[in-house]
Amino acid sequence: MSLSRRLAAEGIGSLLLAAAVIGSGIMAERLAGGNAAVALLANTGATVAVLAMLIALLAPVSGAHFNPAVSLIEALRGSLPWRDAGVYAVVQVLGCCLGAVLAHAMFDLPWLQSSTHVRTGLGMWLAEIVATFGLLLVILGHERRQDAAWMVAAWIGAAYWFTASTSFANPAITIARSLSDTFSGIRPADVPGFILAQLAGAIAALLVARRLFDTARASESPDAP
């Protein structure tokens, strides 16, 4: 598959994913009448559905990363050239930021915003480590390509609720959400801490996956001693 087609898939997927995350947050907050639990439930449902669809649709084209942490790990594994991983990351960030603008435009909000939603502290950073660790473990550990969509979406949906950060688990989405002063936002000042935690979780998942899955698969190989 040509790099241009893969980048187009990553850009479109990232844009639609960010628009869904932010847009569903805006709609949920408007309709929930101040009930944060109901708003988060609606936000979760929309995110899970769109994420599963985008992965199933675009994975055959680009791998459906939509996430610089995923592209980084694939480069570290040797599954993606470093040059491609760098361009993937740029396109993912740009796509997610445009998705934030698109969400604002659909709801007649100012297109360019800066979030005031505070998300910082050890608990939040630990939550992002856990959320990203689990996400990458699912990506690295699943065996059948057709399982990726539901497994990734299921993890993110669950992590929305059991992590203190509501599971960003994606540097590109994190940057885009700092541009939205809505339900899904995060202060720009809090972005670096989230991204560092996400990268730490991703690298930890790679180290664990190498021992957990590669060793297990090698032992199941017909040629294994």
Protein backbone atom coordinates (compact mmCIF):
# COMPACT_ATOMS: atom_id res chain seq x y z
CA MET A 1 0.00 0.00 0.00
CA SER A 2 1.43 3.39 -0.98
CA LEU A 3 2.44 5.83 1.75
CA SER A 4 0.04 8.47 0.43
CA ARG A 5 -2.94 6.13 0.76
CA ARG A 6 -1.87 5.09 4.23
CA LEU A 7 -1.48 8.70 5.32
CA ALA A 8 -4.89 9.55 3.89
CA ALA A 9 -6.42 6.73 5.94
CA GLU A 10 -4.61 7.86 9.10
CA GLY A 11 -5.65 11.48 8.55
CA ILE A 12 -9.30 10.70 7.86
CA GLY A 13 -9.50 8.21 10.72
CA SER A 14 -7.88 10.61 13.18
CA LEU A 15 -10.16 13.46 12.11
CA LEU A 16 -13.34 11.40 12.47
CA LEU A 17 -12.22 9.88 15.77
CA ALA A 18 -11.50 13.28 17.34
CA ALA A 19 -14.73 14.73 15.95
CA ALA A 20 -16.63 11.83 17.50
CA VAL A 21 -14.93 12.10 20.90
CA ILE A 22 -15.36 15.86 21.17
CA GLY A 23 -18.66 16.15 19.34
CA SER A 24 -20.35 13.42 21.38
CA GLY A 25 -19.06 15.10 24.53
CA ILE A 26 -20.68 18.37 23.49
CA MET A 27 -23.98 16.68 22.63
CA ALA A 28 -23.93 14.59 25.80
CA GLU A 29 -23.31 17.60 28.02
CA ARG A 30 -26.14 19.52 26.38
CA LEU A 31 -28.64 16.70 26.77
CA ALA A 32 -27.60 15.29 30.16
CA GLY A 33 -28.98 18.19 32.18
CA GLY A 34 -25.92 18.44 34.38
CA ASN A 35 -25.69 14.69 35.06
CA ALA A 36 -22.00 13.96 34.44
CA ALA A 37 -22.49 10.18 34.62
CA VAL A 38 -25.09 10.22 31.85
CA ALA A 39 -22.89 12.53 29.78
CA LEU A 40 -19.89 10.24 30.16
CA LEU A 41 -21.99 7.19 29.28
CA ALA A 42 -23.15 8.82 26.05
CA ASN A 43 -19.62 10.01 25.26
CA THR A 44 -18.33 6.47 25.84
CA GLY A 45 -20.91 4.82 23.63
CA ALA A 46 -20.24 7.11 20.68
CA THR A 47 -16.47 6.77 21.02
CA VAL A 48 -16.58 2.96 21.21
CA ALA A 49 -18.85 2.69 18.17
CA VAL A 50 -16.82 5.05 15.99
CA LEU A 51 -13.48 3.57 17.06
CA ALA A 52 -14.57 0.01 16.25
CA MET A 53 -15.91 1.09 12.86
CA LEU A 54 -12.81 3.07 11.92
CA ILE A 55 -10.46 0.23 12.85
CA ALA A 56 -12.48 -2.34 10.90
CA LEU A 57 -12.71 -0.03 7.89
CA LEU A 58 -9.18 1.40 7.72
CA ALA A 59 -6.93 -1.26 9.26
CA PRO A 60 -6.44 -2.97 5.87
CA VAL A 61 -5.17 0.35 4.47
CA SER A 62 -2.90 1.85 7.13
CA GLY A 63 -3.13 -0.39 10.18
CA ALA A 64 -5.59 2.10 11.72
CA HIS A 65 -3.20 3.52 14.30
CA PHE A 66 -4.72 7.02 14.72
CA ASN A 67 -2.28 7.30 17.62
CA PRO A 68 1.41 8.33 17.69
CA ALA A 69 2.06 5.98 20.62
CA VAL A 70 0.92 3.03 18.49
CA SER A 71 3.06 4.15 15.55
CA LEU A 72 6.07 4.55 17.86
CA ILE A 73 5.71 1.02 19.19
CA GLU A 74 5.30 -0.41 15.69
CA ALA A 75 8.53 1.37 14.71
CA LEU A 76 10.33 -0.02 17.76
CA ARG A 77 9.14 -3.49 16.77
CA GLY A 78 10.43 -3.02 13.24
CA SER A 79 6.93 -3.31 11.78
CA LEU A 80 6.90 0.29 10.54
CA PRO A 81 9.84 2.29 9.13
CA TRP A 82 10.88 5.17 11.39
CA ARG A 83 10.34 7.69 8.62
CA ASP A 84 6.80 6.44 8.11
CA ALA A 85 6.14 6.48 11.85
CA GLY A 86 7.19 10.13 12.04
CA VAL A 87 4.94 11.13 9.17
CA TYR A 88 2.10 9.05 10.63
CA ALA A 89 2.41 10.99 13.89
CA VAL A 90 2.30 14.37 12.18
CA VAL A 91 -0.79 13.39 10.17
CA GLN A 92 -2.48 11.91 13.24
CA VAL A 93 -2.00 15.09 15.27
CA LEU A 94 -3.13 17.30 12.40
CA GLY A 95 -6.15 15.08 11.74
CA CYS A 96 -7.21 15.08 15.38
CA CYS A 97 -6.85 18.87 15.63
CA LEU A 98 -8.98 19.30 12.52
CA GLY A 99 -11.48 16.92 14.09
CA ALA A 100 -11.77 19.26 17.07
CA VAL A 101 -12.42 22.18 14.73
CA LEU A 102 -15.01 20.12 12.85
CA ALA A 103 -16.82 19.25 16.08
CA HIS A 104 -16.96 22.90 17.10
CA ALA A 105 -18.25 23.92 13.67
CA MET A 106 -21.03 21.31 13.78
CA PHE A 107 -22.26 22.68 17.12
CA ASP A 108 -21.89 26.36 16.19
CA LEU A 109 -19.09 26.94 18.69
CA PRO A 110 -15.95 29.02 18.18
CA TRP A 111 -13.68 26.94 15.97
CA LEU A 112 -10.48 27.72 17.87
CA GLN A 113 -10.54 27.28 21.64
CA SER A 114 -8.23 26.61 24.56
CA SER A 115 -9.47 24.24 27.24
CA THR A 116 -9.69 25.22 30.91
CA HIS A 117 -10.50 21.66 32.06
CA VAL A 118 -7.90 20.73 34.71
CA ARG A 119 -6.52 17.19 34.40
CA THR A 120 -3.27 16.76 36.30
CA GLY A 121 -1.69 14.95 39.24
CA LEU A 122 -0.25 11.54 40.03
CA GLY A 123 -3.62 9.79 39.84
CA MET A 124 -4.31 11.15 36.36
CA TRP A 125 -0.82 10.29 35.12
CA LEU A 126 -1.03 6.78 36.54
CA ALA A 127 -4.42 6.40 34.87
CA GLU A 128 -2.92 7.33 31.50
CA ILE A 129 -0.09 4.85 31.99
CA VAL A 130 -2.64 2.11 32.71
CA ALA A 131 -4.96 3.12 29.86
CA THR A 132 -2.18 3.22 27.28
CA PHE A 133 -0.52 0.07 28.62
CA GLY A 134 -3.78 -1.86 28.23
CA LEU A 135 -4.45 -0.43 24.78
CA LEU A 136 -1.02 -1.42 23.46
CA LEU A 137 -1.20 -4.82 25.13
CA VAL A 138 -4.43 -5.49 23.24
CA ILE A 139 -2.90 -4.29 19.98
CA LEU A 140 0.27 -6.34 20.39
CA GLY A 141 -1.41 -9.42 21.81
CA HIS A 142 -4.46 -10.09 19.64
CA GLU A 143 -3.89 -12.82 17.08
CA ARG A 144 -6.74 -12.48 14.58
CA ARG A 145 -6.93 -9.23 12.61
CA GLN A 146 -10.72 -9.22 12.77
CA ASP A 147 -10.61 -9.11 16.57
CA ALA A 148 -8.73 -5.80 16.73
CA ALA A 149 -11.75 -3.56 16.24
CA TRP A 150 -13.89 -4.93 19.04
CA MET A 151 -11.01 -5.60 21.44
CA VAL A 152 -9.54 -2.10 21.17
CA ALA A 153 -12.96 -0.46 21.36
CA ALA A 154 -13.92 -2.60 24.35
CA TRP A 155 -10.75 -1.66 26.24
CA ILE A 156 -11.19 2.06 25.58
CA GLY A 157 -14.87 1.89 26.54
CA ALA A 158 -14.09 0.19 29.83
CA ALA A 159 -11.13 2.46 30.56
CA TYR A 160 -13.34 5.53 30.15
CA TRP A 161 -14.94 4.37 33.40
CA PHE A 162 -12.25 2.74 35.51
CA THR A 163 -9.45 5.27 34.96
CA ALA A 164 -9.36 8.69 36.64
CA SER A 165 -8.37 10.36 33.36
CA THR A 166 -11.21 8.78 31.31
CA SER A 167 -8.60 7.10 29.12
CA PHE A 168 -7.14 9.47 26.55
CA ALA A 169 -4.36 6.93 25.77
CA ASN A 170 -3.37 8.86 22.65
CA PRO A 171 -1.02 11.87 22.31
CA ALA A 172 -2.78 13.14 19.17
CA ILE A 173 -6.22 13.06 20.81
CA THR A 174 -4.73 14.69 23.90
CA ILE A 175 -3.40 17.62 21.88
CA ALA A 176 -6.71 17.97 20.02
CA ARG A 177 -8.73 17.92 23.23
CA SER A 178 -6.63 20.79 24.59
CA LEU A 179 -8.13 22.84 21.75
CA SER A 180 -11.69 22.29 22.99
CA ASP A 181 -13.10 24.00 26.07
CA THR A 182 -15.91 21.46 26.29
CA PHE A 183 -16.76 18.25 28.16
CA SER A 184 -13.81 16.36 26.64
CA GLY A 185 -11.19 19.08 27.07
CA ILE A 186 -7.85 19.22 28.86
CA ARG A 187 -5.81 22.30 29.74
CA PRO A 188 -2.84 22.83 27.40
CA ALA A 189 -0.60 23.00 30.48
CA ASP A 190 -1.65 19.45 31.41
CA VAL A 191 -0.90 17.95 27.98
CA PRO A 192 2.85 17.23 28.47
CA GLY A 193 2.22 15.16 31.62
CA PHE A 194 -0.42 13.11 29.83
CA ILE A 195 1.77 12.48 26.80
CA LEU A 196 4.75 11.41 28.91
CA ALA A 197 2.50 9.01 30.84
CA GLN A 198 1.08 7.61 27.59
CA LEU A 199 4.51 6.97 26.14
CA ALA A 200 5.62 5.30 29.37
CA GLY A 201 2.57 3.03 29.29
CA ALA A 202 3.16 2.16 25.64
CA ILE A 203 6.81 1.21 26.18
CA ALA A 204 5.91 -0.84 29.25
CA ALA A 205 3.33 -2.72 27.16
CA LEU A 206 5.95 -3.48 24.50
CA LEU A 207 8.32 -4.93 27.10
CA VAL A 208 5.59 -7.06 28.66
CA ALA A 209 4.22 -8.20 25.29
CA ARG A 210 7.65 -9.42 24.18
CA ARG A 211 7.82 -11.73 27.19
CA LEU A 212 4.14 -12.61 27.41
CA PHE A 213 3.08 -13.17 23.82
CA ASP A 214 6.26 -13.76 21.81
CA THR A 215 7.46 -16.42 24.26
CA ALA A 216 4.06 -18.12 24.32
CA ARG A 217 3.78 -18.17 20.53
CA ALA A 218 7.31 -19.50 20.17
CA SER A 219 6.54 -22.34 22.56
CA GLU A 220 3.44 -23.24 20.50
CA SER A 221 5.39 -23.32 17.23
CA PRO A 222 5.70 -26.80 15.64
CA ASP A 223 9.46 -26.20 15.39
CA ALA A 224 9.83 -25.34 19.09
CA PRO A 225 11.93 -27.82 21.10
